[in-house]
């Protein structure tokens, strides 16, 4: 007799309140596989993507999935983080190396307005500022690149939340410039364009 998906012995828990892809996969929670979104993004090659869905439709979970797929992450000790195992058995893994070769290759800036819902504009702005500072902190390793020396002071001010209101919003474009320069490097093993 075949097992029913409705059998409580085999039914997975729903990921209510979870917005971290790694947690959903590692806790073996019920997950509707949306990893083909990765293939779609790679095939379309758009410079910017906007994800609009109603509330509670998994936008943050999908963005988290994208982060874990593309992220070239490093821990505090300088060890490269590996996330490939999170995608084993999911649709994107069966699409071939053409897509999987992008896994773990890029710095990812992950911003969500989820935590910016505050009582005042100033509090919302400060919440966004702290989130942006957190992303700068996650990518502080790029400051080791000599080509970015001229950005170092500004990067560190943003990372420490020391920029004023006029400076911190323009910080996002500063980060984009720094990450593009870092990714364009041909002198670092593991970086796109490395010529060894």
N, C-alpha and C. Protein backbone atom coordinates (compact mmCIF):
# COMPACT_ATOMS: atom_id res chain seq x y z
N UNK A 1 0.84 -1.19 0.00
CA UNK A 1 0.00 0.00 0.00
C UNK A 1 0.89 1.25 0.00
N UNK A 2 0.64 2.14 -0.92
CA UNK A 2 1.44 3.35 -1.05
C UNK A 2 1.14 4.30 0.10
N UNK A 3 2.19 5.03 0.53
CA UNK A 3 2.00 6.01 1.58
C UNK A 3 1.29 7.23 1.03
N UNK A 4 0.39 7.78 1.77
CA UNK A 4 -0.33 8.99 1.38
C UNK A 4 0.45 10.21 1.85
N UNK A 5 0.44 11.27 1.05
CA UNK A 5 1.11 12.49 1.49
C UNK A 5 0.38 13.11 2.68
N UNK A 6 -0.85 12.63 2.92
CA UNK A 6 -1.62 13.15 4.05
C UNK A 6 -1.43 12.32 5.31
N UNK A 7 -0.62 11.29 5.24
CA UNK A 7 -0.32 10.47 6.39
C UNK A 7 0.50 11.31 7.37
N UNK A 8 0.02 11.49 8.62
CA UNK A 8 0.75 12.33 9.58
C UNK A 8 2.17 11.85 9.86
N UNK A 9 2.45 10.58 9.58
CA UNK A 9 3.80 10.06 9.81
C UNK A 9 4.79 10.58 8.78
N UNK A 10 4.30 10.97 7.58
CA UNK A 10 5.19 11.44 6.53
C UNK A 10 4.96 12.91 6.17
N UNK A 11 3.93 13.52 6.73
CA UNK A 11 3.63 14.91 6.39
C UNK A 11 4.67 15.85 6.99
N UNK A 12 5.20 16.71 6.16
CA UNK A 12 6.18 17.69 6.63
C UNK A 12 5.45 18.88 7.23
N UNK A 13 6.12 19.55 8.14
CA UNK A 13 5.56 20.75 8.76
C UNK A 13 5.59 21.89 7.75
N UNK A 14 4.59 22.75 7.82
CA UNK A 14 4.57 23.93 6.97
C UNK A 14 5.53 24.98 7.52
N UNK A 15 6.19 25.71 6.64
CA UNK A 15 7.18 26.69 7.10
C UNK A 15 6.55 28.04 7.44
N UNK A 16 5.51 28.04 8.25
CA UNK A 16 4.83 29.28 8.61
C UNK A 16 5.79 30.17 9.41
N UNK A 17 5.99 31.39 8.94
CA UNK A 17 6.87 32.33 9.61
C UNK A 17 8.34 32.21 9.24
N UNK A 18 8.69 31.24 8.42
CA UNK A 18 10.08 31.06 8.00
C UNK A 18 10.33 31.88 6.74
N UNK A 19 11.43 32.61 6.72
CA UNK A 19 11.80 33.33 5.51
C UNK A 19 13.25 33.09 5.13
N UNK A 20 13.88 32.11 5.78
CA UNK A 20 15.26 31.75 5.48
C UNK A 20 15.29 30.40 4.78
N UNK A 21 15.71 30.40 3.52
CA UNK A 21 15.72 29.19 2.70
C UNK A 21 16.51 28.05 3.36
N UNK A 22 17.66 28.37 3.93
CA UNK A 22 18.49 27.36 4.57
C UNK A 22 17.75 26.66 5.70
N UNK A 23 17.05 27.42 6.51
CA UNK A 23 16.28 26.83 7.62
C UNK A 23 15.20 25.89 7.10
N UNK A 24 14.49 26.31 6.06
CA UNK A 24 13.41 25.50 5.49
C UNK A 24 13.97 24.17 4.99
N UNK A 25 15.09 24.21 4.28
CA UNK A 25 15.69 22.99 3.73
C UNK A 25 16.28 22.13 4.84
N UNK A 26 17.06 22.72 5.71
CA UNK A 26 17.75 21.93 6.74
C UNK A 26 16.80 21.35 7.79
N UNK A 27 15.66 22.01 8.02
CA UNK A 27 14.67 21.45 8.96
C UNK A 27 13.67 20.55 8.25
N UNK A 28 13.89 20.35 6.94
CA UNK A 28 13.06 19.47 6.13
C UNK A 28 11.58 19.85 6.21
N UNK A 29 11.31 21.15 6.11
CA UNK A 29 9.94 21.64 6.12
C UNK A 29 9.34 21.53 4.73
N UNK A 30 8.04 21.59 4.63
CA UNK A 30 7.36 21.52 3.34
C UNK A 30 7.80 22.71 2.50
N UNK A 31 8.20 22.45 1.26
CA UNK A 31 8.70 23.53 0.39
C UNK A 31 8.22 23.28 -1.02
N UNK A 32 7.55 24.28 -1.59
CA UNK A 32 7.17 24.23 -3.00
C UNK A 32 8.38 24.71 -3.77
N UNK A 33 8.96 23.84 -4.57
CA UNK A 33 10.22 24.11 -5.27
C UNK A 33 10.04 25.24 -6.29
N UNK A 34 10.66 26.36 -5.99
CA UNK A 34 10.62 27.52 -6.89
C UNK A 34 12.02 27.84 -7.42
N UNK A 35 12.90 26.85 -7.38
CA UNK A 35 14.29 27.11 -7.77
C UNK A 35 14.46 27.36 -9.26
N UNK A 36 13.44 27.05 -10.07
CA UNK A 36 13.55 27.37 -11.50
C UNK A 36 13.54 28.88 -11.74
N UNK A 37 13.18 29.64 -10.72
CA UNK A 37 13.31 31.10 -10.79
C UNK A 37 14.77 31.47 -11.06
N UNK A 38 15.69 30.70 -10.50
CA UNK A 38 17.12 30.93 -10.72
C UNK A 38 17.45 30.80 -12.21
N UNK A 39 16.97 29.73 -12.83
CA UNK A 39 17.19 29.52 -14.26
C UNK A 39 16.60 30.67 -15.07
N UNK A 40 15.39 31.08 -14.71
CA UNK A 40 14.74 32.18 -15.43
C UNK A 40 15.55 33.46 -15.33
N UNK A 41 16.06 33.77 -14.16
CA UNK A 41 16.87 34.98 -13.98
C UNK A 41 18.15 34.91 -14.79
N UNK A 42 18.80 33.75 -14.80
CA UNK A 42 20.04 33.61 -15.57
C UNK A 42 19.78 33.71 -17.06
N UNK A 43 18.68 33.14 -17.53
CA UNK A 43 18.38 33.19 -18.96
C UNK A 43 18.00 34.59 -19.41
N UNK A 44 17.27 35.32 -18.59
CA UNK A 44 16.84 36.66 -18.99
C UNK A 44 17.96 37.68 -18.88
N UNK A 45 18.84 37.49 -17.92
CA UNK A 45 20.01 38.37 -17.80
C UNK A 45 19.71 39.82 -17.53
N UNK A 46 18.59 40.14 -16.91
CA UNK A 46 18.23 41.53 -16.63
C UNK A 46 19.20 42.13 -15.61
N UNK A 47 19.44 43.42 -15.73
CA UNK A 47 20.32 44.11 -14.79
C UNK A 47 19.64 44.28 -13.43
N UNK A 48 18.34 44.48 -13.45
CA UNK A 48 17.55 44.67 -12.22
C UNK A 48 16.31 43.81 -12.33
N UNK A 49 15.91 43.22 -11.21
CA UNK A 49 14.69 42.42 -11.17
C UNK A 49 13.82 42.92 -10.03
N UNK A 50 12.54 43.04 -10.28
CA UNK A 50 11.58 43.48 -9.28
C UNK A 50 10.62 42.33 -9.03
N UNK A 51 10.50 41.93 -7.77
CA UNK A 51 9.60 40.83 -7.41
C UNK A 51 8.41 41.40 -6.67
N UNK A 52 7.27 41.39 -7.32
CA UNK A 52 6.05 41.89 -6.69
C UNK A 52 5.09 40.74 -6.50
N UNK A 53 4.65 40.58 -5.29
CA UNK A 53 3.66 39.56 -4.92
C UNK A 53 2.89 40.12 -3.74
N UNK A 54 1.68 39.62 -3.51
CA UNK A 54 0.96 40.05 -2.30
C UNK A 54 1.69 39.61 -1.04
N UNK A 55 1.29 40.17 0.07
CA UNK A 55 1.88 39.77 1.35
C UNK A 55 1.72 38.28 1.56
N UNK A 56 2.72 37.68 2.23
CA UNK A 56 2.70 36.27 2.62
C UNK A 56 2.78 35.31 1.43
N UNK A 57 3.33 35.77 0.30
CA UNK A 57 3.47 34.92 -0.88
C UNK A 57 4.91 34.44 -1.08
N UNK A 58 5.75 34.62 -0.09
CA UNK A 58 7.09 34.05 -0.14
C UNK A 58 8.15 34.88 -0.83
N UNK A 59 7.98 36.20 -0.90
CA UNK A 59 8.99 37.04 -1.55
C UNK A 59 10.34 36.94 -0.83
N UNK A 60 10.31 37.07 0.49
CA UNK A 60 11.57 37.04 1.24
C UNK A 60 12.20 35.66 1.19
N UNK A 61 11.39 34.62 1.25
CA UNK A 61 11.92 33.25 1.14
C UNK A 61 12.57 33.04 -0.23
N UNK A 62 11.94 33.55 -1.29
CA UNK A 62 12.53 33.43 -2.63
C UNK A 62 13.82 34.23 -2.74
N UNK A 63 13.85 35.43 -2.16
CA UNK A 63 15.08 36.22 -2.19
C UNK A 63 16.19 35.52 -1.40
N UNK A 64 15.81 34.89 -0.30
CA UNK A 64 16.77 34.13 0.49
C UNK A 64 17.32 32.96 -0.32
N UNK A 65 16.43 32.29 -1.06
CA UNK A 65 16.86 31.19 -1.93
C UNK A 65 17.88 31.70 -2.95
N UNK A 66 17.60 32.84 -3.56
CA UNK A 66 18.53 33.42 -4.54
C UNK A 66 19.86 33.76 -3.88
N UNK A 67 19.81 34.30 -2.68
CA UNK A 67 21.04 34.63 -1.98
C UNK A 67 21.87 33.37 -1.73
N UNK A 68 21.24 32.32 -1.22
CA UNK A 68 22.00 31.10 -0.94
C UNK A 68 22.53 30.46 -2.22
N UNK A 69 21.85 30.66 -3.33
CA UNK A 69 22.34 30.08 -4.58
C UNK A 69 23.55 30.87 -5.10
N UNK A 70 23.41 32.17 -5.21
CA UNK A 70 24.44 32.99 -5.86
C UNK A 70 25.57 33.42 -4.92
N UNK A 71 25.32 33.44 -3.62
CA UNK A 71 26.24 34.02 -2.64
C UNK A 71 27.62 33.40 -2.65
N UNK A 72 28.60 34.27 -2.73
CA UNK A 72 30.01 33.93 -2.55
C UNK A 72 30.31 34.31 -1.11
N UNK A 73 29.80 33.53 -0.16
CA UNK A 73 29.87 33.91 1.24
C UNK A 73 31.13 33.45 1.94
N UNK A 74 31.50 34.23 2.95
CA UNK A 74 32.67 33.93 3.77
C UNK A 74 32.29 34.13 5.23
N UNK A 75 32.76 33.25 6.10
CA UNK A 75 32.46 33.43 7.52
C UNK A 75 33.48 34.37 8.14
N UNK A 76 33.32 34.66 9.42
CA UNK A 76 34.19 35.61 10.10
C UNK A 76 35.65 35.17 10.09
N UNK A 77 35.88 33.87 10.10
CA UNK A 77 37.25 33.33 10.09
C UNK A 77 37.88 33.35 8.70
N UNK A 78 37.11 33.80 7.69
CA UNK A 78 37.64 33.86 6.33
C UNK A 78 37.47 32.57 5.55
N UNK A 79 36.65 31.66 6.07
CA UNK A 79 36.40 30.39 5.38
C UNK A 79 35.20 30.54 4.45
N UNK A 80 35.37 30.03 3.22
CA UNK A 80 34.30 30.12 2.24
C UNK A 80 33.11 29.27 2.68
N UNK A 81 31.93 29.85 2.63
CA UNK A 81 30.70 29.14 2.99
C UNK A 81 30.22 28.36 1.77
N UNK A 82 29.78 27.16 1.99
CA UNK A 82 29.28 26.31 0.92
C UNK A 82 27.78 26.07 1.10
N UNK A 83 27.00 26.34 0.07
CA UNK A 83 25.56 26.18 0.14
C UNK A 83 25.01 25.21 -0.91
N UNK A 84 25.89 24.61 -1.68
CA UNK A 84 25.45 23.74 -2.78
C UNK A 84 24.52 22.63 -2.29
N UNK A 85 24.78 22.10 -1.11
CA UNK A 85 23.97 21.00 -0.57
C UNK A 85 22.50 21.38 -0.40
N UNK A 86 22.21 22.68 -0.23
CA UNK A 86 20.83 23.12 -0.06
C UNK A 86 19.98 22.88 -1.31
N UNK A 87 20.64 22.76 -2.46
CA UNK A 87 19.93 22.65 -3.74
C UNK A 87 19.89 21.22 -4.29
N UNK A 88 20.49 20.29 -3.56
CA UNK A 88 20.47 18.90 -4.01
C UNK A 88 19.03 18.39 -4.00
N UNK A 89 18.63 17.77 -5.10
CA UNK A 89 17.28 17.23 -5.22
C UNK A 89 16.23 18.24 -5.63
N UNK A 90 16.62 19.50 -5.79
CA UNK A 90 15.67 20.52 -6.24
C UNK A 90 15.80 20.71 -7.75
N UNK A 91 14.81 21.33 -8.34
CA UNK A 91 14.73 21.46 -9.79
C UNK A 91 15.97 22.08 -10.43
N UNK A 92 16.53 23.12 -9.82
CA UNK A 92 17.67 23.79 -10.44
C UNK A 92 18.86 22.85 -10.58
N UNK A 93 19.01 21.92 -9.65
CA UNK A 93 20.14 20.99 -9.69
C UNK A 93 20.04 20.06 -10.90
N UNK A 94 18.84 19.82 -11.39
CA UNK A 94 18.68 18.93 -12.55
C UNK A 94 18.75 19.69 -13.87
N UNK A 95 18.97 20.99 -13.81
CA UNK A 95 19.04 21.80 -15.04
C UNK A 95 20.42 21.76 -15.69
N UNK A 96 21.40 21.24 -14.96
CA UNK A 96 22.73 21.08 -15.55
C UNK A 96 23.74 22.09 -15.06
N UNK A 97 24.98 21.81 -15.43
CA UNK A 97 26.11 22.63 -14.99
C UNK A 97 26.07 24.05 -15.55
N UNK A 98 25.39 24.21 -16.68
CA UNK A 98 25.24 25.55 -17.28
C UNK A 98 24.68 26.54 -16.25
N UNK A 99 23.82 26.07 -15.38
CA UNK A 99 23.22 26.92 -14.35
C UNK A 99 23.95 26.78 -13.02
N UNK A 100 24.32 25.56 -12.67
CA UNK A 100 24.96 25.32 -11.38
C UNK A 100 26.35 25.96 -11.29
N UNK A 101 26.97 26.26 -12.41
CA UNK A 101 28.29 26.90 -12.36
C UNK A 101 28.22 28.30 -11.75
N UNK A 102 27.03 28.88 -11.69
CA UNK A 102 26.85 30.20 -11.09
C UNK A 102 26.68 30.14 -9.58
N UNK A 103 26.49 28.93 -9.06
CA UNK A 103 26.24 28.78 -7.63
C UNK A 103 27.49 29.15 -6.83
N UNK A 104 27.30 30.04 -5.86
CA UNK A 104 28.39 30.45 -4.98
C UNK A 104 29.45 31.31 -5.62
N UNK A 105 29.10 32.08 -6.64
CA UNK A 105 30.11 32.83 -7.39
C UNK A 105 30.07 34.34 -7.21
N UNK A 106 29.07 34.90 -6.54
CA UNK A 106 28.89 36.35 -6.55
C UNK A 106 28.61 36.91 -5.15
N UNK A 107 29.07 38.14 -4.90
CA UNK A 107 28.61 38.81 -3.68
C UNK A 107 27.13 39.18 -3.89
N UNK A 108 26.33 38.99 -2.89
CA UNK A 108 24.90 39.27 -2.99
C UNK A 108 24.52 40.33 -1.97
N UNK A 109 23.83 41.35 -2.41
CA UNK A 109 23.30 42.37 -1.51
C UNK A 109 21.84 42.01 -1.29
N UNK A 110 21.49 41.69 -0.07
CA UNK A 110 20.14 41.25 0.28
C UNK A 110 19.47 42.31 1.13
N UNK A 111 18.52 43.01 0.56
CA UNK A 111 17.77 44.03 1.29
C UNK A 111 16.28 43.72 1.19
N UNK A 112 15.60 43.80 2.30
CA UNK A 112 14.16 43.64 2.33
C UNK A 112 13.58 44.77 3.17
N UNK A 113 12.41 45.24 2.78
CA UNK A 113 11.76 46.31 3.53
C UNK A 113 10.88 45.75 4.65
N UNK A 114 10.93 44.46 4.83
CA UNK A 114 10.09 43.80 5.84
C UNK A 114 10.26 44.42 7.22
N UNK A 115 11.49 44.69 7.63
CA UNK A 115 11.75 45.25 8.95
C UNK A 115 11.68 46.76 9.01
N UNK A 116 11.38 47.40 7.89
CA UNK A 116 11.36 48.86 7.86
C UNK A 116 10.00 49.43 8.23
N UNK A 117 9.05 48.59 8.50
CA UNK A 117 7.71 49.07 8.88
C UNK A 117 7.77 49.57 10.32
N UNK A 118 7.84 50.86 10.47
CA UNK A 118 7.97 51.51 11.78
C UNK A 118 6.88 52.57 11.93
N UNK A 119 6.84 53.20 13.09
CA UNK A 119 5.81 54.21 13.37
C UNK A 119 6.07 55.54 12.68
N UNK A 120 7.34 55.88 12.47
CA UNK A 120 7.67 57.16 11.84
C UNK A 120 8.61 56.95 10.66
N UNK A 121 8.68 57.97 9.80
CA UNK A 121 9.59 57.91 8.66
C UNK A 121 11.02 57.79 9.15
N UNK A 122 11.38 58.54 10.19
CA UNK A 122 12.75 58.52 10.71
C UNK A 122 13.13 57.12 11.21
N UNK A 123 12.19 56.47 11.92
CA UNK A 123 12.47 55.12 12.42
C UNK A 123 12.60 54.13 11.26
N UNK A 124 11.77 54.30 10.23
CA UNK A 124 11.87 53.44 9.05
C UNK A 124 13.20 53.65 8.36
N UNK A 125 13.59 54.91 8.22
CA UNK A 125 14.87 55.23 7.58
C UNK A 125 16.02 54.61 8.36
N UNK A 126 15.97 54.73 9.70
CA UNK A 126 17.04 54.16 10.52
C UNK A 126 17.08 52.63 10.40
N UNK A 127 15.91 51.99 10.28
CA UNK A 127 15.87 50.53 10.12
C UNK A 127 16.52 50.12 8.80
N UNK A 128 16.23 50.87 7.73
CA UNK A 128 16.85 50.59 6.43
C UNK A 128 18.35 50.84 6.50
N UNK A 129 18.72 51.92 7.16
CA UNK A 129 20.14 52.26 7.32
C UNK A 129 20.89 51.14 8.04
N UNK A 130 20.29 50.58 9.10
CA UNK A 130 20.93 49.49 9.84
C UNK A 130 21.04 48.24 8.97
N UNK A 131 20.02 47.98 8.16
CA UNK A 131 20.07 46.82 7.29
C UNK A 131 21.16 46.99 6.23
N UNK A 132 21.27 48.19 5.68
CA UNK A 132 22.31 48.47 4.69
C UNK A 132 23.69 48.34 5.34
N UNK A 133 23.83 48.85 6.57
CA UNK A 133 25.10 48.72 7.30
C UNK A 133 25.44 47.26 7.52
N UNK A 134 24.44 46.45 7.82
CA UNK A 134 24.66 45.03 8.02
C UNK A 134 25.16 44.36 6.74
N UNK A 135 24.61 44.75 5.60
CA UNK A 135 25.08 44.20 4.33
C UNK A 135 26.51 44.64 4.04
N UNK A 136 26.84 45.88 4.34
CA UNK A 136 28.22 46.33 4.17
C UNK A 136 29.14 45.50 5.06
N UNK A 137 28.72 45.26 6.29
CA UNK A 137 29.52 44.47 7.22
C UNK A 137 29.73 43.05 6.68
N UNK A 138 28.69 42.45 6.12
CA UNK A 138 28.81 41.10 5.55
C UNK A 138 29.84 41.06 4.42
N UNK A 139 29.97 42.17 3.72
CA UNK A 139 30.88 42.22 2.56
C UNK A 139 32.16 43.00 2.85
N UNK A 140 32.50 43.14 4.11
CA UNK A 140 33.71 43.89 4.48
C UNK A 140 34.98 43.27 3.89
N UNK A 141 34.94 41.99 3.56
CA UNK A 141 36.12 41.32 2.98
C UNK A 141 36.57 41.97 1.68
N UNK A 142 35.68 42.66 0.98
CA UNK A 142 36.10 43.25 -0.29
C UNK A 142 37.06 44.42 -0.09
N UNK A 143 37.12 44.95 1.14
CA UNK A 143 38.04 46.05 1.41
C UNK A 143 39.49 45.59 1.38
N UNK A 144 39.72 44.30 1.38
CA UNK A 144 41.09 43.79 1.27
C UNK A 144 41.65 43.97 -0.14
N UNK A 145 40.79 44.30 -1.08
CA UNK A 145 41.19 44.51 -2.45
C UNK A 145 41.78 45.92 -2.58
N UNK A 146 43.02 46.02 -3.01
CA UNK A 146 43.70 47.32 -3.10
C UNK A 146 43.02 48.29 -4.05
N UNK A 147 42.33 47.78 -5.06
CA UNK A 147 41.68 48.68 -6.02
C UNK A 147 40.55 49.48 -5.39
N UNK A 148 40.11 49.10 -4.20
CA UNK A 148 38.99 49.77 -3.55
C UNK A 148 39.42 50.71 -2.44
N UNK A 149 40.70 50.97 -2.35
CA UNK A 149 41.24 51.79 -1.26
C UNK A 149 40.54 53.15 -1.14
N UNK A 150 40.23 53.78 -2.26
CA UNK A 150 39.62 55.11 -2.21
C UNK A 150 38.22 55.10 -1.61
N UNK A 151 37.57 53.93 -1.56
CA UNK A 151 36.23 53.83 -0.99
C UNK A 151 36.23 53.42 0.48
N UNK A 152 37.38 53.05 0.99
CA UNK A 152 37.46 52.39 2.30
C UNK A 152 36.82 53.23 3.42
N UNK A 153 37.16 54.50 3.53
CA UNK A 153 36.63 55.33 4.62
C UNK A 153 35.11 55.44 4.55
N UNK A 154 34.61 55.69 3.37
CA UNK A 154 33.14 55.82 3.21
C UNK A 154 32.46 54.49 3.50
N UNK A 155 33.01 53.41 3.01
CA UNK A 155 32.47 52.07 3.24
C UNK A 155 32.39 51.79 4.74
N UNK A 156 33.47 52.10 5.45
CA UNK A 156 33.50 51.85 6.89
C UNK A 156 32.51 52.73 7.65
N UNK A 157 32.33 53.98 7.22
CA UNK A 157 31.34 54.86 7.86
C UNK A 157 29.93 54.31 7.69
N UNK A 158 29.63 53.82 6.50
CA UNK A 158 28.31 53.24 6.27
C UNK A 158 28.15 51.97 7.08
N UNK A 159 29.18 51.16 7.11
CA UNK A 159 29.15 49.91 7.84
C UNK A 159 28.91 50.15 9.34
N UNK A 160 29.42 51.26 9.86
CA UNK A 160 29.27 51.59 11.28
C UNK A 160 28.07 52.50 11.53
N UNK A 161 27.22 52.71 10.52
CA UNK A 161 26.02 53.57 10.63
C UNK A 161 26.40 55.01 10.99
N UNK A 162 27.53 55.49 10.50
CA UNK A 162 27.97 56.84 10.81
C UNK A 162 27.64 57.84 9.71
N UNK A 163 27.08 57.39 8.60
CA UNK A 163 26.70 58.30 7.53
C UNK A 163 25.44 59.06 7.91
N UNK A 164 25.34 60.29 7.44
CA UNK A 164 24.12 61.06 7.70
C UNK A 164 23.03 60.66 6.70
N UNK A 165 21.86 61.24 6.85
CA UNK A 165 20.73 60.84 6.00
C UNK A 165 21.00 61.06 4.52
N UNK A 166 21.70 62.13 4.17
CA UNK A 166 21.96 62.37 2.75
C UNK A 166 23.00 61.41 2.20
N UNK A 167 23.94 60.98 3.03
CA UNK A 167 25.02 60.11 2.57
C UNK A 167 24.68 58.64 2.54
N UNK A 168 23.85 58.19 3.46
CA UNK A 168 23.64 56.74 3.55
C UNK A 168 22.80 56.19 2.42
N UNK A 169 21.87 56.97 1.90
CA UNK A 169 21.09 56.44 0.79
C UNK A 169 21.93 56.32 -0.46
N UNK A 170 22.83 57.26 -0.68
CA UNK A 170 23.70 57.14 -1.85
C UNK A 170 24.72 56.04 -1.64
N UNK A 171 24.82 55.54 -0.42
CA UNK A 171 25.74 54.46 -0.12
C UNK A 171 25.45 53.21 -0.92
N UNK A 172 24.18 52.98 -1.27
CA UNK A 172 23.86 51.77 -2.02
C UNK A 172 24.53 51.79 -3.38
N UNK A 173 24.59 52.94 -4.03
CA UNK A 173 25.26 52.99 -5.33
C UNK A 173 26.77 52.85 -5.14
N UNK A 174 27.28 53.36 -4.02
CA UNK A 174 28.70 53.18 -3.71
C UNK A 174 29.01 51.70 -3.59
N UNK A 175 28.16 50.97 -2.87
CA UNK A 175 28.37 49.53 -2.72
C UNK A 175 28.34 48.81 -4.04
N UNK A 176 27.45 49.22 -4.92
CA UNK A 176 27.36 48.59 -6.23
C UNK A 176 28.65 48.78 -7.00
N UNK A 177 29.21 50.00 -6.95
CA UNK A 177 30.47 50.27 -7.63
C UNK A 177 31.59 49.40 -7.07
N UNK A 178 31.65 49.30 -5.74
CA UNK A 178 32.70 48.52 -5.10
C UNK A 178 32.58 47.04 -5.47
N UNK A 179 31.37 46.51 -5.41
CA UNK A 179 31.18 45.10 -5.72
C UNK A 179 31.48 44.81 -7.19
N UNK A 180 31.13 45.75 -8.09
CA UNK A 180 31.44 45.55 -9.50
C UNK A 180 32.95 45.51 -9.71
N UNK A 181 33.67 46.43 -9.05
CA UNK A 181 35.13 46.43 -9.18
C UNK A 181 35.72 45.14 -8.62
N UNK A 182 35.19 44.71 -7.50
CA UNK A 182 35.69 43.48 -6.87
C UNK A 182 35.44 42.28 -7.78
N UNK A 183 34.24 42.19 -8.35
CA UNK A 183 33.90 41.05 -9.23
C UNK A 183 34.68 41.09 -10.52
N UNK A 184 35.06 42.26 -10.98
CA UNK A 184 35.78 42.38 -12.24
C UNK A 184 37.24 41.99 -12.10
N UNK A 185 37.68 41.80 -10.86
CA UNK A 185 39.08 41.50 -10.60
C UNK A 185 39.55 40.24 -11.29
N UNK A 186 40.73 40.32 -11.89
CA UNK A 186 41.30 39.15 -12.55
C UNK A 186 42.53 38.66 -11.80
N UNK A 187 42.71 39.20 -10.58
CA UNK A 187 43.91 38.85 -9.83
C UNK A 187 43.60 38.09 -8.54
N UNK A 188 42.38 37.58 -8.39
CA UNK A 188 42.01 36.89 -7.17
C UNK A 188 41.44 35.52 -7.47
N UNK A 189 42.02 34.48 -6.93
CA UNK A 189 41.46 33.14 -7.12
C UNK A 189 40.01 33.09 -6.61
N UNK A 190 39.16 32.41 -7.34
CA UNK A 190 37.78 32.28 -6.95
C UNK A 190 36.88 33.40 -7.45
N UNK A 191 37.45 34.46 -7.98
CA UNK A 191 36.65 35.59 -8.46
C UNK A 191 36.36 35.39 -9.94
N UNK A 192 35.21 35.86 -10.39
CA UNK A 192 34.95 35.82 -11.82
C UNK A 192 36.04 36.58 -12.57
N UNK A 193 36.52 36.07 -13.62
CA UNK A 193 37.54 36.73 -14.41
C UNK A 193 38.98 36.40 -13.98
N UNK A 194 39.15 35.56 -12.97
CA UNK A 194 40.50 35.22 -12.49
C UNK A 194 41.30 34.57 -13.62
N UNK A 195 42.52 35.11 -13.83
CA UNK A 195 43.35 34.62 -14.93
C UNK A 195 44.54 33.81 -14.45
N UNK A 196 44.69 33.71 -13.12
CA UNK A 196 45.75 32.86 -12.54
C UNK A 196 47.05 33.12 -13.09
